[in-house]
Amino acid sequence: MNAIRAVAQTGLRAALLFRVLTMAKSFEGSSPIGSKTLNRMGLHRWRVRTAAKMASWRRSRLAKHVPANYREQFLQNGFIIIQNVLPEGEFAELKQSLSSRAWPAREMTQGDTITRRTAINQDLLDEAPPLRRFLGQKWLKSLFRYVASYEKEPLLYIQSISKKPAGEADPQTVMHSDTFHPSMKAWYFLNEVKAGEGAFTYVRGSHRLTPERLAWEHAKAQILPEHGDKMSRRGSFRIEPEELASIGLPEPEELACPANTLVIADTYGFHGRGPSGPDLNRVEIWAYCRRNPFLPYLGADFFSLPLFRARRMDWLWSVRDRFPKAFRQPWRKVGNKKLPIVASSAPQT
């Protein structure tokens, strides 16, 4: 029995050590990722630096598919912003197809903010052809892949954000980095989002791994998991306003966006949701792509195959529902809901 126990313990240690070479990010639990000793020796610093180098290499392979002006915008700022993405008539048709009926939805509450999502699955694509046409455009896929640094289909949702009458502060309003490595999120705004109305907020240039940022990451990793806020302990580092200047970064900037505007960002950069009043009504097509940052290739993603990519959302929800504790499932079913999309389209310039 002792021999069996020893073998089992050795296997567990090996499995936990292997997590260092994955996108696992939490500093909680018994994983080496949260080891003070290893992080003092430079484990987290190595993971951050290696992941950044790998992403840069993959992006260099994908850059030929992206116009130079978008590449320059991304390299300078950490995001790409495009207004008037669709002609006025096509944009109106897209909004009409999404607002004409109620869709299956789930909600998550964080502080005083409610995020509602409808998965863009095969059923929704079949019933909303304008959405399928929009998401199938080659130039859009190329931008997603370039920022994500992978030839991988993102997860896609229709997302709306609103306020509760009362509650604690929304943790997404604190500037943060999603994880230790480059990753992609995108927002295609179906309603206008003004400054002061929960606008996407970003610290320009914070996607770059400078010596100052790397030193900050190294210091931060050594105080976790015993200290720091819950989200930072889980690997999504928060940063205070006064810390930004100390590592050579500007103040956060709210990106006020007319409807029909697309924003694609590297969420290793510091970002968050801007302040808002009680009438917050953000509605957007939301895309998300994160993958093991240490893979030395671009594609080979099973779930991106045409047969599976539109069905992933249903499978993902099913697994989360089946194992809620393992996945910390915060999303509850709320039935079919209509999208609060403003009818009038954005003026074209």
Protein backbone atom coordinates (compact mmCIF):
# COMPACT_ATOMS: atom_id res chain seq x y z
CA MET A 1 0.00 0.00 0.00
CA ASN A 2 2.86 2.36 0.80
CA ALA A 3 4.36 1.75 -2.62
CA ILE A 4 1.03 2.42 -4.33
CA ARG A 5 0.60 5.62 -2.31
CA ALA A 6 4.11 6.77 -3.21
CA VAL A 7 3.48 6.15 -6.92
CA ALA A 8 0.17 8.03 -6.72
CA GLN A 9 1.79 10.99 -4.99
CA THR A 10 4.59 11.07 -7.57
CA GLY A 11 2.02 11.02 -10.35
CA LEU A 12 0.10 13.87 -8.75
CA ARG A 13 3.24 15.99 -8.40
CA ALA A 14 4.12 15.35 -12.05
CA ALA A 15 0.61 16.32 -13.15
CA LEU A 16 0.72 19.51 -11.11
CA LEU A 17 4.17 20.36 -12.44
CA PHE A 18 2.89 19.90 -16.00
CA ARG A 19 0.37 22.70 -15.37
CA VAL A 20 3.27 25.15 -15.57
CA LEU A 21 3.31 24.50 -19.32
CA THR A 22 -0.41 25.17 -19.81
CA MET A 23 -2.63 28.25 -19.60
CA ALA A 24 -3.42 27.48 -15.94
CA LYS A 25 -3.15 30.76 -14.04
CA SER A 26 -4.52 30.40 -10.51
CA PHE A 27 -2.16 30.95 -7.60
CA GLU A 28 -4.54 29.15 -5.24
CA GLY A 29 -4.32 25.50 -4.25
CA SER A 30 -1.29 23.19 -4.36
CA SER A 31 -0.15 23.90 -7.90
CA PRO A 32 3.49 24.99 -8.41
CA ILE A 33 2.10 28.10 -10.12
CA GLY A 34 1.38 29.60 -6.68
CA SER A 35 4.63 28.52 -5.03
CA LYS A 36 6.33 31.47 -3.34
CA THR A 37 9.69 29.74 -3.54
CA LEU A 38 9.44 28.97 -7.25
CA ASN A 39 8.12 32.43 -8.06
CA ARG A 40 10.91 34.02 -6.05
CA MET A 41 13.26 31.99 -8.25
CA GLY A 42 11.49 33.36 -11.34
CA LEU A 43 8.84 30.82 -12.35
CA HIS A 44 6.08 33.35 -13.05
CA ARG A 45 8.54 35.69 -14.74
CA TRP A 46 9.66 32.83 -17.01
CA ARG A 47 6.08 31.91 -17.90
CA VAL A 48 5.19 35.54 -18.75
CA ARG A 49 8.33 36.16 -20.81
CA THR A 50 8.17 32.84 -22.68
CA ALA A 51 4.47 33.23 -23.46
CA ALA A 52 5.08 36.73 -24.83
CA LYS A 53 7.87 35.50 -27.09
CA MET A 54 5.75 32.64 -28.40
CA ALA A 55 2.80 34.96 -29.12
CA SER A 56 5.08 37.39 -30.96
CA TRP A 57 6.40 34.56 -33.12
CA ARG A 58 2.91 33.29 -33.96
CA ARG A 59 1.66 36.79 -34.78
CA SER A 60 4.58 37.29 -37.15
CA ARG A 61 3.31 34.25 -39.08
CA LEU A 62 -0.26 35.62 -39.22
CA ALA A 63 0.59 39.26 -39.95
CA LYS A 64 0.48 38.84 -43.75
CA HIS A 65 -3.30 38.39 -43.55
CA VAL A 66 -3.88 41.73 -41.76
CA PRO A 67 -3.66 45.20 -43.38
CA ALA A 68 -0.65 47.24 -42.27
CA ASN A 69 -2.73 50.03 -40.70
CA TYR A 70 -4.47 47.56 -38.38
CA ARG A 71 -1.17 45.92 -37.43
CA GLU A 72 0.34 49.29 -36.61
CA GLN A 73 -2.68 50.29 -34.56
CA PHE A 74 -2.49 47.06 -32.60
CA LEU A 75 1.26 47.15 -31.99
CA GLN A 76 1.04 50.70 -30.70
CA ASN A 77 -2.11 50.49 -28.59
CA GLY A 78 -2.90 46.85 -27.84
CA PHE A 79 -6.26 47.05 -29.62
CA ILE A 80 -7.80 47.63 -33.03
CA ILE A 81 -10.87 49.85 -33.34
CA ILE A 82 -12.95 50.07 -36.53
CA GLN A 83 -16.04 52.24 -36.91
CA ASN A 84 -18.82 51.83 -39.50
CA VAL A 85 -17.96 48.17 -39.94
CA LEU A 86 -21.08 47.36 -41.96
CA PRO A 87 -22.96 49.52 -44.48
CA GLU A 88 -26.01 51.12 -42.85
CA GLY A 89 -28.51 48.79 -44.51
CA GLU A 90 -26.64 45.62 -43.59
CA PHE A 91 -26.20 46.80 -40.00
CA ALA A 92 -29.94 47.50 -39.70
CA GLU A 93 -30.69 44.05 -41.13
CA LEU A 94 -28.33 42.41 -38.63
CA LYS A 95 -29.96 44.19 -35.68
CA GLN A 96 -33.43 43.34 -36.93
CA SER A 97 -32.58 39.64 -37.21
CA LEU A 98 -31.32 39.59 -33.61
CA SER A 99 -34.05 41.72 -32.02
CA SER A 100 -37.01 40.07 -33.77
CA ARG A 101 -37.40 37.31 -31.18
CA ALA A 102 -36.27 36.11 -27.77
CA TRP A 103 -33.20 33.86 -27.47
CA PRO A 104 -32.06 31.39 -24.77
CA ALA A 105 -29.99 33.33 -22.27
CA ARG A 106 -27.88 32.98 -19.16
CA GLU A 107 -26.90 35.60 -16.60
CA MET A 108 -24.03 36.25 -14.24
CA THR A 109 -24.06 38.92 -11.54
CA GLN A 110 -20.86 40.61 -10.39
CA GLY A 111 -21.35 43.34 -7.82
CA ASP A 112 -24.07 45.66 -9.13
CA THR A 113 -23.75 44.53 -12.76
CA ILE A 114 -25.64 41.84 -14.67
CA THR A 115 -24.06 40.26 -17.72
CA ARG A 116 -26.44 38.29 -19.94
CA ARG A 117 -25.21 36.03 -22.74
CA THR A 118 -26.81 34.17 -25.59
CA ALA A 119 -24.50 31.59 -27.12
CA ILE A 120 -23.98 31.92 -30.86
CA ASN A 121 -24.57 28.27 -31.72
CA GLN A 122 -25.76 26.46 -34.83
CA ASP A 123 -29.43 27.15 -34.09
CA LEU A 124 -28.91 30.89 -33.78
CA LEU A 125 -26.79 31.06 -36.94
CA ASP A 126 -29.46 29.18 -38.87
CA GLU A 127 -32.18 31.58 -37.71
CA ALA A 128 -30.15 34.79 -38.17
CA PRO A 129 -28.47 34.65 -41.63
CA PRO A 130 -27.14 38.25 -41.38
CA LEU A 131 -25.21 37.21 -38.27
CA ARG A 132 -23.77 34.18 -40.06
CA ARG A 133 -22.69 36.35 -42.98
CA PHE A 134 -21.06 38.90 -40.68
CA LEU A 135 -19.11 36.35 -38.66
CA GLY A 136 -18.05 34.44 -41.77
CA GLN A 137 -16.10 37.35 -43.30
CA LYS A 138 -12.48 36.45 -43.98
CA TRP A 139 -11.07 39.81 -42.89
CA LEU A 140 -12.79 39.52 -39.50
CA LYS A 141 -11.46 36.01 -38.90
CA SER A 142 -7.96 37.21 -39.80
CA LEU A 143 -8.11 40.00 -37.22
CA PHE A 144 -9.36 37.64 -34.52
CA ARG A 145 -6.57 35.20 -35.27
CA TYR A 146 -3.84 37.82 -35.41
CA VAL A 147 -4.66 39.31 -32.02
CA ALA A 148 -5.23 35.85 -30.48
CA SER A 149 -2.00 34.63 -32.15
CA TYR A 150 -3.71 31.40 -33.16
CA GLU A 151 -5.70 29.99 -36.07
CA LYS A 152 -8.51 29.11 -33.70
CA GLU A 153 -12.21 29.93 -33.85
CA PRO A 154 -13.22 32.16 -30.93
CA LEU A 155 -16.14 31.48 -28.63
CA LEU A 156 -18.98 33.79 -29.63
CA TYR A 157 -21.90 35.26 -27.71
CA ILE A 158 -24.43 38.05 -27.92
CA GLN A 159 -23.87 39.91 -24.68
CA SER A 160 -25.83 42.59 -22.88
CA ILE A 161 -24.77 44.42 -19.71
CA SER A 162 -27.09 46.20 -17.31
CA LYS A 163 -27.22 47.40 -13.70
CA LYS A 164 -28.96 46.07 -10.61
CA PRO A 165 -30.80 48.58 -8.37
CA ALA A 166 -28.12 48.07 -5.69
CA GLY A 167 -25.03 46.03 -5.01
CA GLU A 168 -21.29 46.10 -4.43
CA ALA A 169 -18.88 47.58 -6.94
CA ASP A 170 -18.45 45.68 -10.19
CA PRO A 171 -14.99 44.00 -10.10
CA GLN A 172 -14.71 44.45 -13.87
CA THR A 173 -14.38 48.23 -13.40
CA VAL A 174 -10.95 47.71 -11.78
CA MET A 175 -8.11 47.75 -14.32
CA HIS A 176 -6.82 44.23 -14.80
CA SER A 177 -5.04 41.79 -17.06
CA ASP A 178 -7.06 38.67 -17.84
CA THR A 179 -4.15 36.28 -17.52
CA PHE A 180 -0.36 36.03 -17.73
CA HIS A 181 -0.21 35.70 -21.51
CA PRO A 182 -1.60 37.39 -24.64
CA SER A 183 -5.22 36.55 -25.43
CA MET A 184 -8.05 38.04 -27.45
CA LYS A 185 -11.45 39.52 -26.74
CA ALA A 186 -13.60 41.48 -29.17
CA TRP A 187 -16.74 43.62 -28.94
CA TYR A 188 -18.94 44.57 -31.87
CA PHE A 189 -21.28 47.18 -30.42
CA LEU A 190 -24.92 47.00 -31.50
CA ASN A 191 -25.83 50.05 -29.38
CA GLU A 192 -23.86 53.26 -28.98
CA VAL A 193 -21.64 53.27 -25.88
CA LYS A 194 -20.67 56.72 -24.61
CA ALA A 195 -18.06 57.64 -22.03
CA GLY A 196 -19.60 57.27 -18.60
CA GLU A 197 -21.91 54.50 -19.84
CA GLY A 198 -19.78 51.45 -19.12
CA ALA A 199 -17.46 51.97 -22.09
CA PHE A 200 -14.62 49.55 -22.73
CA THR A 201 -11.55 51.05 -21.07
CA TYR A 202 -7.92 50.26 -21.91
CA VAL A 203 -4.44 51.35 -20.89
CA ARG A 204 -2.78 52.04 -24.23
CA GLY A 205 0.44 50.10 -24.76
CA SER A 206 -0.03 47.89 -21.70
CA HIS A 207 -0.02 44.75 -23.87
CA ARG A 208 3.73 45.14 -24.36
CA LEU A 209 6.04 43.24 -22.03
CA THR A 210 8.50 45.90 -20.93
CA PRO A 211 11.21 45.38 -18.29
CA GLU A 212 9.09 47.47 -15.90
CA ARG A 213 6.00 45.35 -16.49
CA LEU A 214 7.97 42.12 -16.07
CA ALA A 215 9.43 43.35 -12.77
CA TRP A 216 5.91 44.25 -11.59
CA GLU A 217 4.66 40.78 -12.54
CA HIS A 218 7.57 39.15 -10.70
CA ALA A 219 6.89 41.15 -7.53
CA LYS A 220 3.14 40.54 -7.70
CA ALA A 221 3.56 36.77 -8.03
CA GLN A 222 5.57 36.61 -4.82
CA ILE A 223 2.82 38.01 -2.59
CA LEU A 224 0.16 35.58 -3.81
CA PRO A 225 -1.83 33.57 -2.85
CA GLU A 226 -1.88 34.70 0.80
CA HIS A 227 -2.26 38.38 -0.05
CA GLY A 228 -4.04 40.35 -2.71
CA ASP A 229 -7.62 40.39 -3.93
CA LYS A 230 -9.56 37.29 -4.96
CA MET A 231 -9.34 37.94 -8.70
CA SER A 232 -5.57 38.49 -8.58
CA ARG A 233 -5.13 35.26 -6.61
CA ARG A 234 -6.99 33.50 -9.40
CA GLY A 235 -4.49 34.85 -11.93
CA SER A 236 -6.23 37.98 -13.24
CA PHE A 237 -3.90 40.62 -11.81
CA ARG A 238 -5.51 43.90 -10.73
CA ILE A 239 -3.54 47.14 -10.81
CA GLU A 240 -4.13 50.38 -8.93
CA PRO A 241 -4.07 53.73 -10.79
CA GLU A 242 -0.93 54.90 -9.01
CA GLU A 243 0.91 51.74 -10.09
CA LEU A 244 0.44 52.44 -13.79
CA ALA A 245 2.75 55.47 -13.80
CA SER A 246 5.37 53.55 -11.81
CA ILE A 247 5.74 51.06 -14.68
CA GLY A 248 5.66 53.70 -17.40
CA LEU A 249 2.02 53.42 -18.47
CA PRO A 250 -0.58 56.15 -19.14
CA GLU A 251 -3.95 56.50 -17.46
CA PRO A 252 -6.83 54.27 -18.58
CA GLU A 253 -8.88 55.61 -21.50
CA GLU A 254 -12.58 55.06 -22.06
CA LEU A 255 -13.25 54.13 -25.68
CA ALA A 256 -16.57 55.74 -26.49
CA CYS A 257 -17.95 53.82 -29.47
CA PRO A 258 -20.86 54.50 -31.81
CA ALA A 259 -23.02 51.54 -32.73
CA ASN A 260 -21.51 49.48 -35.58
CA THR A 261 -18.02 49.75 -34.04
CA LEU A 262 -15.66 46.80 -33.59
CA VAL A 263 -12.94 46.66 -30.92
CA ILE A 264 -10.46 43.76 -30.80
CA ALA A 265 -7.99 43.79 -27.91
CA ASP A 266 -5.16 41.83 -26.35
CA THR A 267 -6.46 41.34 -22.82
CA TYR A 268 -3.01 40.80 -21.38
CA GLY A 269 -3.11 44.58 -21.54
CA PHE A 270 -4.80 46.32 -18.62
CA HIS A 271 -8.45 46.95 -19.32
CA GLY A 272 -11.85 47.11 -17.65
CA ARG A 273 -15.36 48.44 -17.85
CA GLY A 274 -15.75 52.18 -17.41
CA PRO A 275 -18.04 53.82 -14.84
CA SER A 276 -21.75 53.88 -15.53
CA GLY A 277 -25.08 55.00 -14.14
CA PRO A 278 -28.19 52.94 -13.41
CA ASP A 279 -29.38 52.99 -17.04
CA LEU A 280 -26.45 51.01 -18.43
CA ASN A 281 -27.47 49.20 -21.64
CA ARG A 282 -24.51 47.76 -23.53
CA VAL A 283 -25.33 45.21 -26.24
CA GLU A 284 -22.60 43.61 -28.32
CA ILE A 285 -21.43 40.57 -30.20
CA TRP A 286 -18.66 39.31 -27.96
CA ALA A 287 -15.76 37.06 -28.98
CA TYR A 288 -13.18 35.36 -26.82
CA CYS A 289 -10.09 33.29 -27.63
CA ARG A 290 -7.53 31.92 -25.21
CA ARG A 291 -5.27 28.91 -25.72
CA ASN A 292 -2.19 27.29 -24.20
CA PRO A 293 0.40 30.04 -24.79
CA PHE A 294 3.36 27.67 -25.08
CA LEU A 295 2.27 25.81 -28.22
CA PRO A 296 4.78 26.23 -31.07
CA TYR A 297 2.20 26.11 -33.88
CA LEU A 298 -0.78 28.11 -35.13
CA GLY A 299 -3.68 25.74 -35.74
CA ALA A 300 -4.46 22.07 -35.09
CA ASP A 301 -7.53 22.95 -33.01
CA PHE A 302 -10.08 20.13 -33.13
CA PHE A 303 -13.00 22.33 -32.06
CA SER A 304 -12.36 24.83 -34.87
CA LEU A 305 -13.30 22.29 -37.51
CA PRO A 306 -16.50 23.26 -39.40
CA LEU A 307 -18.37 20.25 -38.06
CA PHE A 308 -17.81 21.26 -34.44
CA ARG A 309 -17.21 25.00 -34.09
CA ALA A 310 -20.86 26.11 -33.99
CA ARG A 311 -21.74 23.33 -31.55
CA ARG A 312 -18.97 24.03 -29.03
CA MET A 313 -21.12 26.46 -27.12
CA ASP A 314 -23.78 23.85 -26.35
CA TRP A 315 -21.14 21.36 -25.26
CA LEU A 316 -19.41 23.96 -23.08
CA TRP A 317 -22.60 24.89 -21.26
CA SER A 318 -23.47 21.21 -20.77
CA VAL A 319 -20.12 20.41 -19.19
CA ARG A 320 -20.30 23.47 -16.92
CA ASP A 321 -23.81 22.52 -15.82
CA ARG A 322 -22.74 18.93 -15.13
CA PHE A 323 -19.73 19.93 -13.02
CA PRO A 324 -20.59 23.36 -11.53
CA LYS A 325 -18.10 23.21 -8.65
CA ALA A 326 -15.17 22.21 -10.81
CA PHE A 327 -15.83 25.06 -13.24
CA ARG A 328 -17.11 27.57 -10.66
CA GLN A 329 -20.23 27.84 -12.80
CA PRO A 330 -21.67 31.34 -12.23
CA TRP A 331 -24.02 31.36 -15.25
CA ARG A 332 -27.68 30.59 -14.52
CA LYS A 333 -30.38 29.94 -17.08
CA VAL A 334 -32.98 32.73 -17.32
CA GLY A 335 -35.11 31.44 -20.18
CA ASN A 336 -35.62 33.19 -23.50
CA LYS A 337 -34.93 36.94 -23.47
CA LYS A 338 -35.18 39.65 -26.10
CA LEU A 339 -32.09 41.74 -26.74
CA PRO A 340 -32.35 45.42 -25.70
CA ILE A 341 -31.03 46.68 -29.04
CA VAL A 342 -31.74 50.32 -29.88
CA ALA A 343 -33.64 50.46 -33.17
CA SER A 344 -31.94 53.42 -34.82
CA SER A 345 -28.62 52.74 -36.51
CA ALA A 346 -25.45 54.77 -36.14
CA PRO A 347 -24.92 57.66 -38.58
CA GLN A 348 -22.45 56.86 -41.33
CA THR A 349 -19.48 59.13 -41.92
